[in-house]
């Protein structure tokens, strides 16, 4: 038998915050070799590292932008009048090209603004590079999850990090929904029968499901029809989003645990170019924007129905 000393308060807090007794029992079971569950492996360690680095770059960039705004609020009138009216990238570009001059106050303020603007530029480029690397890593690790409609580079990375290196630990889609904070909680009272959002689970994963729901509410025809039906039935927007997140969690659960076949779209662009058809002509035929056809050909946005119809049209053209 392995002798295990009872951990102190700090050790119990590190092991688990929810229930110190259960965490202590789990630690004893793991050390004694009686634990039945398998620990997380390191298959998503690279995705976790890239995701954390990209997220920290965004936070640092936001902090630098806020500092620029705060400095301009209290800056001398000439500086505030010149740069206070600029917005977004125009302000950053103008500040990055500064040549500080004038008295001591103007020189100090302009130097600080120039330094912060260049920091924003560097962090933007860093975040874009990390996002490309993260997108490539996620696509190789789980192409089915990356190809789901409404899923960008960040959301599948967060869901994979939440599920861990071995998603077989999650035995049912209900457990995955609870882990993501998307499991409905009964909130009935009197004659009112309803559910509310769960406040538990991984909030970052819940935010990822929320972003997917917003994208589908704006661009997915099936989701828009569903929202219209639920709105006509008297449900509020919060209730509809709760239902969508639960359905998305069910769909996302199947992606890490099963092997999905991704339709090949690499032939679409060469086929269009061989027929000397422009993006504008193809987009006008289907009643969409040229960017929609371009993202479909490059695999950035998945739409199997449009891809099949587009391929048939190109073949017959």
Protein backbone atom coordinates (compact mmCIF):
# COMPACT_ATOMS: atom_id res chain seq x y z
CA UNK A 1 0.00 0.00 0.00
CA UNK A 2 1.22 3.49 -0.81
CA UNK A 3 1.14 5.80 2.16
CA UNK A 4 -0.34 9.16 1.29
CA UNK A 5 -0.26 12.12 3.64
CA UNK A 6 -3.31 14.31 3.80
CA UNK A 7 -2.64 17.44 1.68
CA UNK A 8 -2.75 20.85 3.33
CA UNK A 9 -5.20 23.60 2.43
CA UNK A 10 -3.10 25.03 -0.41
CA UNK A 11 -2.66 21.59 -1.96
CA UNK A 12 -6.38 20.88 -1.75
CA UNK A 13 -7.10 24.21 -3.44
CA UNK A 14 -4.70 23.31 -6.24
CA UNK A 15 -6.23 19.87 -6.75
CA UNK A 16 -9.83 21.00 -6.86
CA UNK A 17 -11.89 23.94 -5.64
CA UNK A 18 -15.33 22.41 -5.90
CA UNK A 19 -15.12 19.82 -3.13
CA UNK A 20 -11.88 19.37 -1.11
CA UNK A 21 -12.96 15.97 0.17
CA UNK A 22 -13.62 14.61 -3.32
CA UNK A 23 -10.39 16.13 -4.61
CA UNK A 24 -8.48 14.53 -1.72
CA UNK A 25 -10.07 11.17 -2.47
CA UNK A 26 -9.21 11.51 -6.16
CA UNK A 27 -5.61 12.28 -5.28
CA UNK A 28 -5.40 9.20 -3.03
CA UNK A 29 -6.91 7.02 -5.77
CA UNK A 30 -4.46 8.34 -8.37
CA UNK A 31 -1.41 7.85 -6.18
CA UNK A 32 -2.45 4.39 -5.03
CA UNK A 33 -3.10 3.18 -8.57
CA UNK A 34 -6.83 2.62 -8.04
CA UNK A 35 -8.04 5.44 -10.34
CA UNK A 36 -10.20 4.17 -13.21
CA UNK A 37 -10.15 7.23 -15.52
CA UNK A 38 -7.28 8.00 -17.86
CA UNK A 39 -5.47 11.34 -17.46
CA UNK A 40 -5.33 13.93 -20.20
CA UNK A 41 -2.57 13.43 -22.73
CA UNK A 42 -0.57 16.12 -24.52
CA UNK A 43 -2.09 15.88 -28.01
CA UNK A 44 -3.62 19.36 -27.67
CA UNK A 45 -0.64 20.90 -25.86
CA UNK A 46 0.46 22.74 -29.01
CA UNK A 47 -3.06 24.05 -29.66
CA UNK A 48 -3.31 25.19 -26.04
CA UNK A 49 0.01 27.03 -26.24
CA UNK A 50 -0.85 28.80 -29.51
CA UNK A 51 -4.32 29.68 -28.26
CA UNK A 52 -2.99 31.19 -25.03
CA UNK A 53 -0.33 33.16 -26.90
CA UNK A 54 -2.86 34.53 -29.40
CA UNK A 55 -5.28 35.46 -26.62
CA UNK A 56 -2.55 37.26 -24.65
CA UNK A 57 -1.58 39.19 -27.80
CA UNK A 58 -5.17 40.38 -28.17
CA UNK A 59 -5.30 41.46 -24.52
CA UNK A 60 -2.01 43.35 -24.81
CA UNK A 61 -3.19 45.04 -28.02
CA UNK A 62 -6.44 46.10 -26.37
CA UNK A 63 -4.50 47.50 -23.40
CA UNK A 64 -2.27 49.54 -25.74
CA UNK A 65 -5.28 50.91 -27.62
CA UNK A 66 -6.92 51.92 -24.34
CA UNK A 67 -3.73 53.67 -23.25
CA UNK A 68 -3.66 55.65 -26.50
CA UNK A 69 -7.24 56.76 -25.90
CA UNK A 70 -6.53 57.77 -22.31
CA UNK A 71 -3.43 59.75 -23.30
CA UNK A 72 -5.33 61.63 -25.99
CA UNK A 73 -8.03 62.60 -23.49
CA UNK A 74 -5.52 64.48 -21.32
CA UNK A 75 -3.08 65.50 -24.09
CA UNK A 76 -2.46 69.14 -25.05
CA UNK A 77 -5.13 70.72 -27.22
CA UNK A 78 -3.06 70.70 -30.43
CA UNK A 79 -2.38 66.96 -30.17
CA UNK A 80 -5.95 66.17 -29.16
CA UNK A 81 -7.38 68.19 -32.06
CA UNK A 82 -5.09 66.54 -34.60
CA UNK A 83 -5.37 62.90 -33.58
CA UNK A 84 -8.56 62.78 -31.50
CA UNK A 85 -10.81 62.77 -34.56
CA UNK A 86 -9.04 59.82 -36.20
CA UNK A 87 -10.37 56.31 -35.66
CA UNK A 88 -9.08 52.78 -35.93
CA UNK A 89 -6.23 52.03 -38.30
CA UNK A 90 -6.01 55.66 -39.50
CA UNK A 91 -5.11 56.83 -36.00
CA UNK A 92 -2.56 54.04 -35.48
CA UNK A 93 -0.88 54.73 -38.83
CA UNK A 94 -0.69 58.47 -38.15
CA UNK A 95 0.73 57.99 -34.66
CA UNK A 96 3.27 55.39 -35.81
CA UNK A 97 4.69 57.89 -38.34
CA UNK A 98 5.14 60.66 -35.76
CA UNK A 99 8.33 62.64 -35.36
CA UNK A 100 8.08 64.04 -31.83
CA UNK A 101 8.95 67.74 -31.68
CA UNK A 102 8.03 70.86 -29.72
CA UNK A 103 8.40 71.62 -26.05
CA UNK A 104 9.09 69.02 -23.38
CA UNK A 105 5.41 68.17 -22.80
CA UNK A 106 4.55 67.77 -26.49
CA UNK A 107 7.68 65.70 -27.12
CA UNK A 108 6.95 63.36 -24.21
CA UNK A 109 3.30 62.86 -25.16
CA UNK A 110 4.07 62.28 -28.85
CA UNK A 111 6.86 59.84 -27.99
CA UNK A 112 4.51 57.84 -25.80
CA UNK A 113 1.81 57.79 -28.49
CA UNK A 114 4.29 56.71 -31.16
CA UNK A 115 5.60 53.90 -28.98
CA UNK A 116 2.11 52.63 -28.22
CA UNK A 117 1.04 52.82 -31.87
CA UNK A 118 4.04 50.77 -32.97
CA UNK A 119 3.28 48.30 -30.20
CA UNK A 120 -0.26 47.94 -31.56
CA UNK A 121 1.12 47.25 -35.03
CA UNK A 122 3.53 44.62 -33.77
CA UNK A 123 0.88 42.91 -31.65
CA UNK A 124 -1.56 42.91 -34.59
CA UNK A 125 1.01 41.22 -36.83
CA UNK A 126 1.88 38.78 -34.02
CA UNK A 127 -1.77 37.87 -33.49
CA UNK A 128 -2.31 37.30 -37.22
CA UNK A 129 0.73 35.01 -37.40
CA UNK A 130 -0.40 33.06 -34.32
CA UNK A 131 -3.91 32.76 -35.74
CA UNK A 132 -2.58 31.30 -38.98
CA UNK A 133 -0.45 28.80 -37.07
CA UNK A 134 -3.41 27.94 -34.82
CA UNK A 135 -5.69 27.47 -37.81
CA UNK A 136 -3.21 25.10 -39.44
CA UNK A 137 -2.75 23.12 -36.22
CA UNK A 138 -6.48 22.78 -35.58
CA UNK A 139 -7.17 21.78 -39.19
CA UNK A 140 -4.58 19.01 -39.03
CA UNK A 141 -5.73 17.84 -35.59
CA UNK A 142 -9.48 17.80 -36.30
CA UNK A 143 -10.51 18.82 -39.83
CA UNK A 144 -14.16 17.94 -39.21
CA UNK A 145 -14.46 20.40 -36.34
CA UNK A 146 -12.71 23.17 -38.27
CA UNK A 147 -15.01 22.69 -41.27
CA UNK A 148 -18.25 23.15 -39.31
CA UNK A 149 -20.26 26.18 -40.39
CA UNK A 150 -19.59 29.22 -38.21
CA UNK A 151 -16.37 27.86 -36.72
CA UNK A 152 -13.22 29.96 -37.14
CA UNK A 153 -9.66 29.33 -35.96
CA UNK A 154 -10.29 30.36 -32.35
CA UNK A 155 -13.51 28.53 -31.45
CA UNK A 156 -12.41 24.96 -32.31
CA UNK A 157 -9.13 25.55 -30.48
CA UNK A 158 -11.01 26.53 -27.34
CA UNK A 159 -13.37 23.54 -27.60
CA UNK A 160 -10.45 21.14 -28.11
CA UNK A 161 -8.63 22.62 -25.12
CA UNK A 162 -11.80 22.26 -23.03
CA UNK A 163 -12.37 18.64 -24.10
CA UNK A 164 -8.73 17.78 -23.43
CA UNK A 165 -6.35 15.48 -25.24
CA UNK A 166 -8.59 12.42 -24.92
CA UNK A 167 -12.25 13.32 -25.58
CA UNK A 168 -13.33 9.75 -24.83
CA UNK A 169 -13.42 10.88 -21.20
CA UNK A 170 -16.67 12.64 -22.16
CA UNK A 171 -19.02 9.69 -22.48
CA UNK A 172 -22.19 11.55 -23.55
CA UNK A 173 -23.04 14.77 -25.30
CA UNK A 174 -24.90 15.86 -22.17
CA UNK A 175 -21.66 15.74 -20.19
CA UNK A 176 -19.95 17.85 -22.84
CA UNK A 177 -22.81 20.37 -22.75
CA UNK A 178 -22.50 20.58 -18.97
CA UNK A 179 -18.74 21.03 -19.30
CA UNK A 180 -19.34 23.95 -21.69
CA UNK A 181 -22.03 25.49 -19.48
CA UNK A 182 -24.74 24.88 -22.10
CA UNK A 183 -26.85 22.38 -20.14
CA UNK A 184 -30.32 23.80 -19.40
CA UNK A 185 -31.20 24.39 -15.75
CA UNK A 186 -34.87 24.11 -14.69
CA UNK A 187 -36.24 27.50 -13.60
CA UNK A 188 -39.98 26.81 -13.44
CA UNK A 189 -42.23 28.69 -11.07
CA UNK A 190 -45.94 28.23 -10.59
CA UNK A 191 -47.55 27.73 -13.97
CA UNK A 192 -44.44 28.88 -15.81
CA UNK A 193 -42.41 26.02 -17.23
CA UNK A 194 -39.03 27.20 -18.46
CA UNK A 195 -35.27 26.68 -18.29
CA UNK A 196 -32.42 29.12 -17.88
CA UNK A 197 -28.75 29.28 -18.85
CA UNK A 198 -26.26 27.36 -16.80
CA UNK A 199 -23.71 29.48 -14.91
CA UNK A 200 -21.30 26.57 -14.50
CA UNK A 201 -18.84 24.91 -16.81
CA UNK A 202 -15.97 26.38 -18.78
CA UNK A 203 -16.96 29.95 -19.55
CA UNK A 204 -14.44 30.24 -22.39
CA UNK A 205 -16.02 27.22 -24.11
CA UNK A 206 -19.45 28.72 -23.48
CA UNK A 207 -18.29 31.93 -25.16
CA UNK A 208 -17.08 29.87 -28.13
CA UNK A 209 -20.53 28.31 -28.51
CA UNK A 210 -22.06 31.77 -28.24
CA UNK A 211 -19.91 33.09 -31.10
CA UNK A 212 -20.88 30.13 -33.28
CA UNK A 213 -24.56 30.79 -32.52
CA UNK A 214 -24.24 34.47 -33.49
CA UNK A 215 -22.54 33.61 -36.78
CA UNK A 216 -25.25 31.11 -37.66
CA UNK A 217 -28.03 33.49 -36.67
CA UNK A 218 -26.67 36.02 -39.15
CA UNK A 219 -25.73 33.81 -42.09
CA UNK A 220 -27.14 30.27 -41.85
CA UNK A 221 -30.58 29.97 -43.52
CA UNK A 222 -31.66 27.00 -41.35
CA UNK A 223 -30.73 28.84 -38.17
CA UNK A 224 -32.50 31.99 -39.31
CA UNK A 225 -35.66 29.97 -40.03
CA UNK A 226 -35.39 28.34 -36.60
CA UNK A 227 -35.00 31.72 -34.90
CA UNK A 228 -38.06 33.02 -36.77
CA UNK A 229 -40.15 30.04 -35.66
CA UNK A 230 -39.05 30.34 -32.04
CA UNK A 231 -39.67 34.09 -32.04
CA UNK A 232 -43.17 33.52 -33.41
CA UNK A 233 -43.71 31.00 -30.59
CA UNK A 234 -43.01 33.75 -28.04
CA UNK A 235 -39.46 32.92 -26.97
CA UNK A 236 -37.03 35.68 -26.14
CA UNK A 237 -33.65 36.13 -27.80
CA UNK A 238 -31.84 34.82 -24.71
CA UNK A 239 -33.95 31.67 -24.71
CA UNK A 240 -33.35 31.12 -28.43
CA UNK A 241 -29.58 31.50 -28.00
CA UNK A 242 -29.70 29.03 -25.10
CA UNK A 243 -31.43 26.48 -27.33
CA UNK A 244 -28.94 27.11 -30.13
CA UNK A 245 -25.94 26.68 -27.84
CA UNK A 246 -27.31 23.38 -26.58
CA UNK A 247 -27.81 22.14 -30.15
CA UNK A 248 -24.35 23.36 -31.17
CA UNK A 249 -22.82 21.58 -28.17
CA UNK A 250 -24.47 18.36 -29.36
CA UNK A 251 -22.97 18.88 -32.81
CA UNK A 252 -19.54 19.83 -31.48
CA UNK A 253 -19.45 16.72 -29.28
CA UNK A 254 -19.63 14.45 -32.32
CA UNK A 255 -16.66 16.15 -34.03
CA UNK A 256 -13.86 15.25 -31.55
CA UNK A 257 -15.21 11.73 -30.91
CA UNK A 258 -15.91 10.61 -34.50
CA UNK A 259 -14.00 10.80 -37.76
CA UNK A 260 -15.66 13.17 -40.20
CA UNK A 261 -15.17 13.09 -43.96
CA UNK A 262 -14.56 16.57 -45.39
CA UNK A 263 -15.79 17.14 -48.96
CA UNK A 264 -12.98 18.06 -51.33
CA UNK A 265 -13.25 21.59 -52.74
CA UNK A 266 -9.74 21.88 -54.21
CA UNK A 267 -11.12 21.36 -57.72
CA UNK A 268 -13.50 24.34 -57.68
CA UNK A 269 -11.06 27.17 -58.42
CA UNK A 270 -9.08 25.32 -61.16
CA UNK A 271 -12.39 24.28 -62.75
CA UNK A 272 -13.66 27.88 -62.76
CA UNK A 273 -10.39 29.22 -64.17
CA UNK A 274 -10.32 26.57 -66.88
CA UNK A 275 -13.73 27.83 -68.05
CA UNK A 276 -12.54 31.50 -67.92
CA UNK A 277 -15.33 32.37 -65.49
CA UNK A 278 -14.74 35.28 -63.12
CA UNK A 279 -15.77 35.37 -59.48
CA UNK A 280 -18.21 38.18 -60.25
CA UNK A 281 -19.95 36.13 -62.94
CA UNK A 282 -20.28 33.10 -60.68
CA UNK A 283 -21.50 35.21 -57.76
CA UNK A 284 -24.08 36.97 -59.95
CA UNK A 285 -25.41 33.61 -61.13
CA UNK A 286 -25.97 32.36 -57.56
CA UNK A 287 -27.08 35.71 -56.16
CA UNK A 288 -24.26 36.01 -53.63
CA UNK A 289 -21.26 38.26 -53.10
CA UNK A 290 -18.00 37.40 -54.93
CA UNK A 291 -16.32 37.06 -51.52
CA UNK A 292 -18.70 34.17 -50.75
CA UNK A 293 -17.48 32.23 -53.80
CA UNK A 294 -13.86 33.10 -53.02
CA UNK A 295 -14.04 31.88 -49.42
CA UNK A 296 -15.84 28.75 -50.59
CA UNK A 297 -13.08 27.95 -53.10
CA UNK A 298 -10.34 28.56 -50.52
CA UNK A 299 -12.03 26.41 -47.87
CA UNK A 300 -12.45 29.29 -45.44
CA UNK A 301 -16.23 28.88 -45.31
CA UNK A 302 -17.95 25.54 -45.66
CA UNK A 303 -21.25 25.22 -47.50
CA UNK A 304 -21.68 21.72 -48.91
CA UNK A 305 -24.94 22.47 -50.74
CA UNK A 306 -23.53 25.54 -52.46
CA UNK A 307 -20.28 23.70 -53.26
CA UNK A 308 -22.12 20.82 -54.94
CA UNK A 309 -24.39 23.17 -56.89
CA UNK A 310 -21.40 25.32 -57.85
CA UNK A 311 -19.45 22.30 -59.08
CA UNK A 312 -22.39 21.08 -61.19
CA UNK A 313 -22.81 24.54 -62.72
CA UNK A 314 -19.12 24.81 -63.55
CA UNK A 315 -19.13 21.34 -65.11
CA UNK A 316 -22.09 22.16 -67.32
CA UNK A 317 -20.77 25.62 -68.27
